[in-house]
Amino acid sequence: MLLEMRTYFDARHGGPYDRGTADSWYSRGRNPHFFRGASYDSAPVEEKDMTPFELKEYNAGFDENESDPNARKN
């Protein structure tokens, strides 16, 4: 029996996944970061201070948005 492993990401506003999708949406390029609280209302966490899972969340959000050419702000 093969079991499917799924990873669930926290998609809250300001989190790593959200920031990845936003960077892609606004064509800002890949720049891993996130906010502990709401976006821009709390101090940012930069790539050097992110855990491997937080980096995975950011990259998943960025990559998922990049996979859809219609998911860009014009």
C-alpha atoms as a PDB file:
ATOM      1  CA  MET A   1       0.000   0.000   0.000  1.00  0.00           C
ATOM      2  CA  LEU A   2       1.362   3.395  -1.001  1.00  0.00           C
ATOM      3  CA  LEU A   3       0.522   6.284   1.285  1.00  0.00           C
ATOM      4  CA  GLU A   4       0.527   9.804  -0.026  1.00  0.00           C
ATOM      5  CA  MET A   5       2.482  12.289   2.075  1.00  0.00           C
ATOM      6  CA  ARG A   6       1.145  15.821   2.031  1.00  0.00           C
ATOM      7  CA  THR A   7       2.702  18.947   3.403  1.00  0.00           C
ATOM      8  CA  TYR A   8       0.393  21.667   4.615  1.00  0.00           C
ATOM      9  CA  PHE A   9       1.581  25.252   4.683  1.00  0.00           C
ATOM     10  CA  ASP A  10       0.333  28.110   6.813  1.00  0.00           C
ATOM     11  CA  ALA A  11      -1.132  30.505   4.249  1.00  0.00           C
ATOM     12  CA  ARG A  12      -1.806  33.347   6.680  1.00  0.00           C
ATOM     13  CA  HIS A  13      -1.174  36.881   5.470  1.00  0.00           C
ATOM     14  CA  GLY A  14       2.455  37.713   6.099  1.00  0.00           C
ATOM     15  CA  GLY A  15       3.620  34.103   6.453  1.00  0.00           C
ATOM     16  CA  PRO A  16       6.324  32.522   4.280  1.00  0.00           C
ATOM     17  CA  TYR A  17       3.913  30.936   1.779  1.00  0.00           C
ATOM     18  CA  ASP A  18       1.960  34.185   1.407  1.00  0.00           C
ATOM     19  CA  ARG A  19       5.120  36.242   0.902  1.00  0.00           C
ATOM     20  CA  GLY A  20       6.342  33.806  -1.760  1.00  0.00           C
ATOM     21  CA  THR A  21       3.108  34.125  -3.721  1.00  0.00           C
ATOM     22  CA  ALA A  22       3.158  37.916  -3.318  1.00  0.00           C
ATOM     23  CA  ASP A  23       6.747  38.229  -4.564  1.00  0.00           C
ATOM     24  CA  SER A  24       5.838  36.198  -7.648  1.00  0.00           C
ATOM     25  CA  TRP A  25       2.543  38.077  -8.187  1.00  0.00           C
ATOM     26  CA  TYR A  26       4.317  41.446  -8.173  1.00  0.00           C
ATOM     27  CA  SER A  27       7.277  40.101 -10.218  1.00  0.00           C
ATOM     28  CA  ARG A  28       9.700  41.003  -7.439  1.00  0.00           C
ATOM     29  CA  GLY A  29      11.834  37.915  -7.848  1.00  0.00           C
ATOM     30  CA  ARG A  30      12.666  35.289  -5.250  1.00  0.00           C
ATOM     31  CA  ASN A  31      13.648  36.901  -1.951  1.00  0.00           C
ATOM     32  CA  PRO A  32      12.733  34.591   0.949  1.00  0.00           C
ATOM     33  CA  HIS A  33      11.313  36.469   3.931  1.00  0.00           C
ATOM     34  CA  PHE A  34       8.157  36.662   6.002  1.00  0.00           C
ATOM     35  CA  PHE A  35       6.597  38.497   8.921  1.00  0.00           C
ATOM     36  CA  ARG A  36       5.900  36.992  12.348  1.00  0.00           C
ATOM     37  CA  GLY A  37       2.745  39.105  12.533  1.00  0.00           C
ATOM     38  CA  ALA A  38       0.800  40.882   9.825  1.00  0.00           C
ATOM     39  CA  SER A  39       2.725  42.010   6.751  1.00  0.00           C
ATOM     40  CA  TYR A  40       4.552  45.276   7.303  1.00  0.00           C
ATOM     41  CA  ASP A  41       3.083  45.611  10.825  1.00  0.00           C
ATOM     42  CA  SER A  42       5.812  43.473  12.346  1.00  0.00           C
ATOM     43  CA  ALA A  43       9.521  43.019  11.845  1.00  0.00           C
ATOM     44  CA  PRO A  44      10.474  40.956   8.782  1.00  0.00           C
ATOM     45  CA  VAL A  45      12.319  37.662   9.133  1.00  0.00           C
ATOM     46  CA  GLU A  46      15.041  37.474   6.493  1.00  0.00           C
ATOM     47  CA  GLU A  47      16.269  34.375   4.673  1.00  0.00           C
ATOM     48  CA  LYS A  48      19.329  33.991   6.913  1.00  0.00           C
ATOM     49  CA  ASP A  49      17.046  33.658   9.941  1.00  0.00           C
ATOM     50  CA  MET A  50      14.480  31.291   8.395  1.00  0.00           C
ATOM     51  CA  THR A  51      14.204  27.605   9.224  1.00  0.00           C
ATOM     52  CA  PRO A  52      14.432  25.001   6.452  1.00  0.00           C
ATOM     53  CA  PHE A  53      10.644  24.504   6.662  1.00  0.00           C
ATOM     54  CA  GLU A  54       9.968  28.250   6.433  1.00  0.00           C
ATOM     55  CA  LEU A  55      12.165  28.378   3.323  1.00  0.00           C
ATOM     56  CA  LYS A  56      10.224  25.434   1.916  1.00  0.00           C
ATOM     57  CA  GLU A  57       6.951  27.298   2.567  1.00  0.00           C
ATOM     58  CA  TYR A  58       8.207  30.472   0.883  1.00  0.00           C
ATOM     59  CA  ASN A  59       9.518  28.591  -2.153  1.00  0.00           C
ATOM     60  CA  ALA A  60       6.313  26.554  -2.477  1.00  0.00           C
ATOM     61  CA  GLY A  61       4.245  29.749  -2.580  1.00  0.00           C
ATOM     62  CA  PHE A  62       6.582  31.362  -5.097  1.00  0.00           C
ATOM     63  CA  ASP A  63       6.780  28.261  -7.310  1.00  0.00           C
ATOM     64  CA  GLU A  64       3.049  27.603  -7.232  1.00  0.00           C
ATOM     65  CA  ASN A  65       2.321  31.151  -8.340  1.00  0.00           C
ATOM     66  CA  GLU A  66       5.026  31.005 -11.023  1.00  0.00           C
ATOM     67  CA  SER A  67       3.472  27.840 -12.458  1.00  0.00           C
ATOM     68  CA  ASP A  68       0.385  29.837 -13.525  1.00  0.00           C
ATOM     69  CA  PRO A  69       1.254  32.487 -16.136  1.00  0.00           C
ATOM     70  CA  ASN A  70      -2.047  34.248 -15.394  1.00  0.00           C
ATOM     71  CA  ALA A  71      -1.106  34.708 -11.732  1.00  0.00           C
ATOM     72  CA  ARG A  72       0.843  37.932 -12.237  1.00  0.00           C
ATOM     73  CA  LYS A  73      -0.133  41.518 -11.740  1.00  0.00           C
ATOM     74  CA  ASN A  74      -0.090  43.298 -15.075  1.00  0.00           C
END
